[in-house]
PDB file of all heavy atoms in Angstrom:
ATOM      1  N   MET A   1       0.836  -1.208   0.000  1.00  0.00           N
ATOM      2  CA  MET A   1       0.000   0.000   0.000  1.00  0.00           C
ATOM      3  C   MET A   1       0.869   1.256   0.000  1.00  0.00           C
ATOM      4  O   MET A   1       0.602   2.210  -0.738  1.00  0.00           O
ATOM      5  CB  MET A   1      -0.933   0.006   1.215  1.00  0.00           C
ATOM      6  CG  MET A   1      -2.063  -1.000   1.129  1.00  0.00           C
ATOM      7  SD  MET A   1      -3.259  -0.868   2.475  1.00  0.00           S
ATOM      8  CE  MET A   1      -2.282  -1.353   3.887  1.00  0.00           C
ATOM      9  N   ASN A   2       1.932   1.244   0.800  1.00  0.00           N
ATOM     10  CA  ASN A   2       2.837   2.401   0.847  1.00  0.00           C
ATOM     11  C   ASN A   2       3.527   2.624  -0.497  1.00  0.00           C
ATOM     12  O   ASN A   2       3.714   3.767  -0.923  1.00  0.00           O
ATOM     13  CB  ASN A   2       3.873   2.219   1.949  1.00  0.00           C
ATOM     14  CG  ASN A   2       3.266   2.277   3.332  1.00  0.00           C
ATOM     15  OD1 ASN A   2       2.153   2.761   3.514  1.00  0.00           O
ATOM     16  ND2 ASN A   2       3.995   1.765   4.311  1.00  0.00           N
ATOM     17  N   GLN A   3       3.893   1.535  -1.144  1.00  0.00           N
ATOM     18  CA  GLN A   3       4.550   1.637  -2.454  1.00  0.00           C
ATOM     19  C   GLN A   3       3.598   2.254  -3.479  1.00  0.00           C
ATOM     20  O   GLN A   3       3.998   3.133  -4.253  1.00  0.00           O
ATOM     21  CB  GLN A   3       5.007   0.259  -2.923  1.00  0.00           C
ATOM     22  CG  GLN A   3       5.745   0.275  -4.233  1.00  0.00           C
ATOM     23  CD  GLN A   3       6.176  -1.127  -4.672  1.00  0.00           C
ATOM     24  OE1 GLN A   3       5.859  -2.121  -4.027  1.00  0.00           O
ATOM     25  NE2 GLN A   3       6.877  -1.194  -5.777  1.00  0.00           N
ATOM     26  N   ARG A   4       2.340   1.830  -3.478  1.00  0.00           N
ATOM     27  CA  ARG A   4       1.364   2.396  -4.424  1.00  0.00           C
ATOM     28  C   ARG A   4       1.135   3.878  -4.133  1.00  0.00           C
ATOM     29  O   ARG A   4       1.064   4.696  -5.050  1.00  0.00           O
ATOM     30  CB  ARG A   4       0.024   1.653  -4.348  1.00  0.00           C
ATOM     31  CG  ARG A   4       0.048   0.174  -4.720  1.00  0.00           C
ATOM     32  CD  ARG A   4       0.736  -0.106  -6.028  1.00  0.00           C
ATOM     33  NE  ARG A   4       0.661  -1.484  -6.453  1.00  0.00           N
ATOM     34  CZ  ARG A   4       1.486  -2.466  -6.076  1.00  0.00           C
ATOM     35  NH1 ARG A   4       2.463  -2.232  -5.233  1.00  0.00           N
ATOM     36  NH2 ARG A   4       1.346  -3.683  -6.560  1.00  0.00           N
ATOM     37  N   THR A   5       1.054   4.228  -2.858  1.00  0.00           N
ATOM     38  CA  THR A   5       0.868   5.629  -2.488  1.00  0.00           C
ATOM     39  C   THR A   5       2.049   6.469  -2.978  1.00  0.00           C
ATOM     40  O   THR A   5       1.860   7.562  -3.525  1.00  0.00           O
ATOM     41  CB  THR A   5       0.727   5.761  -0.956  1.00  0.00           C
ATOM     42  OG1 THR A   5      -0.395   4.973  -0.537  1.00  0.00           O
ATOM     43  CG2 THR A   5       0.525   7.207  -0.546  1.00  0.00           C
ATOM     44  N   HIS A   6       3.256   5.960  -2.797  1.00  0.00           N
ATOM     45  CA  HIS A   6       4.453   6.680  -3.248  1.00  0.00           C
ATOM     46  C   HIS A   6       4.448   6.859  -4.770  1.00  0.00           C
ATOM     47  O   HIS A   6       4.786   7.942  -5.274  1.00  0.00           O
ATOM     48  CB  HIS A   6       5.702   5.928  -2.793  1.00  0.00           C
ATOM     49  CG  HIS A   6       6.978   6.585  -3.179  1.00  0.00           C
ATOM     50  ND1 HIS A   6       7.405   7.771  -2.615  1.00  0.00           N
ATOM     51  CD2 HIS A   6       7.911   6.255  -4.096  1.00  0.00           C
ATOM     52  CE1 HIS A   6       8.546   8.123  -3.166  1.00  0.00           C
ATOM     53  NE2 HIS A   6       8.882   7.219  -4.063  1.00  0.00           N
ATOM     54  N   GLN A   7       4.063   5.825  -5.500  1.00  0.00           N
ATOM     55  CA  GLN A   7       4.013   5.925  -6.966  1.00  0.00           C
ATOM     56  C   GLN A   7       2.988   6.963  -7.409  1.00  0.00           C
ATOM     57  O   GLN A   7       3.232   7.734  -8.345  1.00  0.00           O
ATOM     58  CB  GLN A   7       3.686   4.563  -7.582  1.00  0.00           C
ATOM     59  CG  GLN A   7       4.815   3.573  -7.480  1.00  0.00           C
ATOM     60  CD  GLN A   7       4.407   2.172  -7.939  1.00  0.00           C
ATOM     61  OE1 GLN A   7       3.228   1.823  -7.952  1.00  0.00           O
ATOM     62  NE2 GLN A   7       5.393   1.373  -8.311  1.00  0.00           N
ATOM     63  N   ILE A   8       1.847   7.007  -6.745  1.00  0.00           N
ATOM     64  CA  ILE A   8       0.814   8.003  -7.069  1.00  0.00           C
ATOM     65  C   ILE A   8       1.355   9.404  -6.826  1.00  0.00           C
ATOM     66  O   ILE A   8       1.174  10.308  -7.651  1.00  0.00           O
ATOM     67  CB  ILE A   8      -0.465   7.749  -6.247  1.00  0.00           C
ATOM     68  CG1 ILE A   8      -1.155   6.455  -6.728  1.00  0.00           C
ATOM     69  CG2 ILE A   8      -1.428   8.933  -6.338  1.00  0.00           C
ATOM     70  CD1 ILE A   8      -2.262   5.977  -5.816  1.00  0.00           C
ATOM     71  N   GLN A   9       2.032   9.600  -5.704  1.00  0.00           N
ATOM     72  CA  GLN A   9       2.606  10.911  -5.391  1.00  0.00           C
ATOM     73  C   GLN A   9       3.654  11.328  -6.422  1.00  0.00           C
ATOM     74  O   GLN A   9       3.726  12.497  -6.806  1.00  0.00           O
ATOM     75  CB  GLN A   9       3.212  10.901  -3.984  1.00  0.00           C
ATOM     76  CG  GLN A   9       2.173  10.811  -2.900  1.00  0.00           C
ATOM     77  CD  GLN A   9       2.782  10.556  -1.529  1.00  0.00           C
ATOM     78  OE1 GLN A   9       3.941  10.168  -1.406  1.00  0.00           O
ATOM     79  NE2 GLN A   9       1.986  10.772  -0.484  1.00  0.00           N
ATOM     80  N   GLU A  10       4.462  10.377  -6.893  1.00  0.00           N
ATOM     81  CA  GLU A  10       5.468  10.685  -7.919  1.00  0.00           C
ATOM     82  C   GLU A  10       4.813  11.113  -9.228  1.00  0.00           C
ATOM     83  O   GLU A  10       5.256  12.069  -9.874  1.00  0.00           O
ATOM     84  CB  GLU A  10       6.366   9.473  -8.163  1.00  0.00           C
ATOM     85  CG  GLU A  10       7.399   9.236  -7.096  1.00  0.00           C
ATOM     86  CD  GLU A  10       8.272   8.028  -7.412  1.00  0.00           C
ATOM     87  OE1 GLU A  10       7.928   7.245  -8.333  1.00  0.00           O
ATOM     88  OE2 GLU A  10       9.295   7.870  -6.740  1.00  0.00           O
ATOM     89  N   ILE A  11       3.769  10.411  -9.636  1.00  0.00           N
ATOM     90  CA  ILE A  11       3.071  10.749 -10.878  1.00  0.00           C
ATOM     91  C   ILE A  11       2.458  12.142 -10.765  1.00  0.00           C
ATOM     92  O   ILE A  11       2.576  12.959 -11.692  1.00  0.00           O
ATOM     93  CB  ILE A  11       1.996   9.700 -11.213  1.00  0.00           C
ATOM     94  CG1 ILE A  11       2.658   8.363 -11.577  1.00  0.00           C
ATOM     95  CG2 ILE A  11       1.110  10.181 -12.358  1.00  0.00           C
ATOM     96  CD1 ILE A  11       1.687   7.213 -11.719  1.00  0.00           C
ATOM     97  N   ARG A  12       1.836  12.437  -9.642  1.00  0.00           N
ATOM     98  CA  ARG A  12       1.227  13.762  -9.455  1.00  0.00           C
ATOM     99  C   ARG A  12       2.285  14.857  -9.442  1.00  0.00           C
ATOM    100  O   ARG A  12       2.067  15.943  -9.985  1.00  0.00           O
ATOM    101  CB  ARG A  12       0.398  13.785  -8.182  1.00  0.00           C
ATOM    102  CG  ARG A  12      -0.885  12.994  -8.332  1.00  0.00           C
ATOM    103  CD  ARG A  12      -1.793  13.143  -7.151  1.00  0.00           C
ATOM    104  NE  ARG A  12      -3.046  12.441  -7.409  1.00  0.00           N
ATOM    105  CZ  ARG A  12      -3.754  11.821  -6.488  1.00  0.00           C
ATOM    106  NH1 ARG A  12      -3.352  11.827  -5.232  1.00  0.00           N
ATOM    107  NH2 ARG A  12      -4.870  11.204  -6.811  1.00  0.00           N
ATOM    108  N   ALA A  13       3.437  14.585  -8.836  1.00  0.00           N
ATOM    109  CA  ALA A  13       4.517  15.571  -8.826  1.00  0.00           C
ATOM    110  C   ALA A  13       5.063  15.797 -10.236  1.00  0.00           C
ATOM    111  O   ALA A  13       5.350  16.938 -10.622  1.00  0.00           O
ATOM    112  CB  ALA A  13       5.633  15.115  -7.892  1.00  0.00           C
ATOM    113  N   ASP A  14       5.191  14.724 -11.010  1.00  0.00           N
ATOM    114  CA  ASP A  14       5.652  14.857 -12.396  1.00  0.00           C
ATOM    115  C   ASP A  14       4.659  15.660 -13.231  1.00  0.00           C
ATOM    116  O   ASP A  14       5.049  16.468 -14.066  1.00  0.00           O
ATOM    117  CB  ASP A  14       5.861  13.484 -13.038  1.00  0.00           C
ATOM    118  CG  ASP A  14       7.080  12.762 -12.483  1.00  0.00           C
ATOM    119  OD1 ASP A  14       7.928  13.420 -11.841  1.00  0.00           O
ATOM    120  OD2 ASP A  14       7.181  11.537 -12.688  1.00  0.00           O
ATOM    121  N   MET A  15       3.367  15.420 -12.999  1.00  0.00           N
ATOM    122  CA  MET A  15       2.352  16.161 -13.742  1.00  0.00           C
ATOM    123  C   MET A  15       2.425  17.654 -13.402  1.00  0.00           C
ATOM    124  O   MET A  15       2.329  18.499 -14.281  1.00  0.00           O
ATOM    125  CB  MET A  15       0.958  15.611 -13.425  1.00  0.00           C
ATOM    126  CG  MET A  15       0.684  14.241 -14.007  1.00  0.00           C
ATOM    127  SD  MET A  15      -0.834  13.474 -13.410  1.00  0.00           S
ATOM    128  CE  MET A  15      -2.076  14.652 -13.895  1.00  0.00           C
ATOM    129  N   ALA A  16       2.608  17.968 -12.137  1.00  0.00           N
ATOM    130  CA  ALA A  16       2.693  19.367 -11.716  1.00  0.00           C
ATOM    131  C   ALA A  16       3.954  20.028 -12.257  1.00  0.00           C
ATOM    132  O   ALA A  16       3.924  21.177 -12.693  1.00  0.00           O
ATOM    133  CB  ALA A  16       2.660  19.460 -10.196  1.00  0.00           C
ATOM    134  N   ALA A  17       5.062  19.309 -12.248  1.00  0.00           N
ATOM    135  CA  ALA A  17       6.322  19.878 -12.751  1.00  0.00           C
ATOM    136  C   ALA A  17       6.248  20.131 -14.245  1.00  0.00           C
ATOM    137  O   ALA A  17       6.781  21.128 -14.736  1.00  0.00           O
ATOM    138  CB  ALA A  17       7.477  18.942 -12.429  1.00  0.00           C
ATOM    139  N   GLY A  18       5.587  19.272 -14.984  1.00  0.00           N
ATOM    140  CA  GLY A  18       5.450  19.471 -16.426  1.00  0.00           C
ATOM    141  C   GLY A  18       4.663  20.716 -16.756  1.00  0.00           C
ATOM    142  O   GLY A  18       4.985  21.464 -17.662  1.00  0.00           O
ATOM    143  N   GLY A  19       3.619  20.997 -16.005  1.00  0.00           N
ATOM    144  CA  GLY A  19       2.828  22.193 -16.223  1.00  0.00           C
ATOM    145  C   GLY A  19       3.610  23.449 -15.907  1.00  0.00           C
ATOM    146  O   GLY A  19       3.520  24.449 -16.604  1.00  0.00           O
ATOM    147  N   ASP A  20       4.414  23.408 -14.845  1.00  0.00           N
ATOM    148  CA  ASP A  20       5.229  24.563 -14.479  1.00  0.00           C
ATOM    149  C   ASP A  20       6.265  24.856 -15.559  1.00  0.00           C
ATOM    150  O   ASP A  20       6.514  26.012 -15.890  1.00  0.00           O
ATOM    151  CB  ASP A  20       5.935  24.328 -13.146  1.00  0.00           C
ATOM    152  CG  ASP A  20       4.965  24.276 -11.980  1.00  0.00           C
ATOM    153  OD1 ASP A  20       3.826  24.748 -12.142  1.00  0.00           O
ATOM    154  OD2 ASP A  20       5.357  23.769 -10.922  1.00  0.00           O
ATOM    155  N   CYS A  21       6.857  23.816 -16.106  1.00  0.00           N
ATOM    156  CA  CYS A  21       7.879  23.993 -17.146  1.00  0.00           C
ATOM    157  C   CYS A  21       7.271  24.634 -18.391  1.00  0.00           C
ATOM    158  O   CYS A  21       7.853  25.558 -18.963  1.00  0.00           O
ATOM    159  CB  CYS A  21       8.503  22.649 -17.478  1.00  0.00           C
ATOM    160  SG  CYS A  21       9.789  22.735 -18.733  1.00  0.00           S
ATOM    161  N   LEU A  22       6.120  24.171 -18.798  1.00  0.00           N
ATOM    162  CA  LEU A  22       5.459  24.729 -19.972  1.00  0.00           C
ATOM    163  C   LEU A  22       5.066  26.176 -19.729  1.00  0.00           C
ATOM    164  O   LEU A  22       5.230  27.026 -20.606  1.00  0.00           O
ATOM    165  CB  LEU A  22       4.228  23.901 -20.330  1.00  0.00           C
ATOM    166  CG  LEU A  22       3.448  24.348 -21.561  1.00  0.00           C
ATOM    167  CD1 LEU A  22       4.344  24.271 -22.793  1.00  0.00           C
ATOM    168  CD2 LEU A  22       2.221  23.488 -21.744  1.00  0.00           C
ATOM    169  N   GLN A  23       4.590  26.471 -18.540  1.00  0.00           N
ATOM    170  CA  GLN A  23       4.198  27.836 -18.224  1.00  0.00           C
ATOM    171  C   GLN A  23       5.414  28.764 -18.258  1.00  0.00           C
ATOM    172  O   GLN A  23       5.340  29.864 -18.794  1.00  0.00           O
ATOM    173  CB  GLN A  23       3.547  27.876 -16.850  1.00  0.00           C
ATOM    174  CG  GLN A  23       2.935  29.213 -16.498  1.00  0.00           C
ATOM    175  CD  GLN A  23       2.222  29.178 -15.164  1.00  0.00           C
ATOM    176  OE1 GLN A  23       2.486  28.309 -14.331  1.00  0.00           O
ATOM    177  NE2 GLN A  23       1.338  30.112 -14.951  1.00  0.00           N
ATOM    178  N   ARG A  24       6.547  28.315 -17.729  1.00  0.00           N
ATOM    179  CA  ARG A  24       7.762  29.132 -17.773  1.00  0.00           C
ATOM    180  C   ARG A  24       8.203  29.368 -19.206  1.00  0.00           C
ATOM    181  O   ARG A  24       8.653  30.456 -19.562  1.00  0.00           O
ATOM    182  CB  ARG A  24       8.881  28.451 -16.983  1.00  0.00           C
ATOM    183  CG  ARG A  24       8.786  28.717 -15.510  1.00  0.00           C
ATOM    184  CD  ARG A  24      10.001  28.185 -14.774  1.00  0.00           C
ATOM    185  NE  ARG A  24       9.504  27.253 -13.782  1.00  0.00           N
ATOM    186  CZ  ARG A  24       9.863  26.003 -13.650  1.00  0.00           C
ATOM    187  NH1 ARG A  24      10.788  25.499 -14.415  1.00  0.00           N
ATOM    188  NH2 ARG A  24       9.336  25.237 -12.735  1.00  0.00           N
ATOM    189  N   LEU A  25       8.084  28.351 -20.041  1.00  0.00           N
ATOM    190  CA  LEU A  25       8.475  28.478 -21.449  1.00  0.00           C
ATOM    191  C   LEU A  25       7.596  29.499 -22.172  1.00  0.00           C
ATOM    192  O   LEU A  25       8.090  30.323 -22.942  1.00  0.00           O
ATOM    193  CB  LEU A  25       8.386  27.115 -22.142  1.00  0.00           C
ATOM    194  CG  LEU A  25       8.833  27.056 -23.592  1.00  0.00           C
ATOM    195  CD1 LEU A  25      10.312  27.419 -23.701  1.00  0.00           C
ATOM    196  CD2 LEU A  25       8.586  25.671 -24.151  1.00  0.00           C
TER     197      LEU A  25
END
């Protein structure tokens, strides 16, 4: 369960970082 939670958090962080990068560009 902890591993799945960590993977979900990583995906959400990647999604947020991608949006920030595009906005800066």
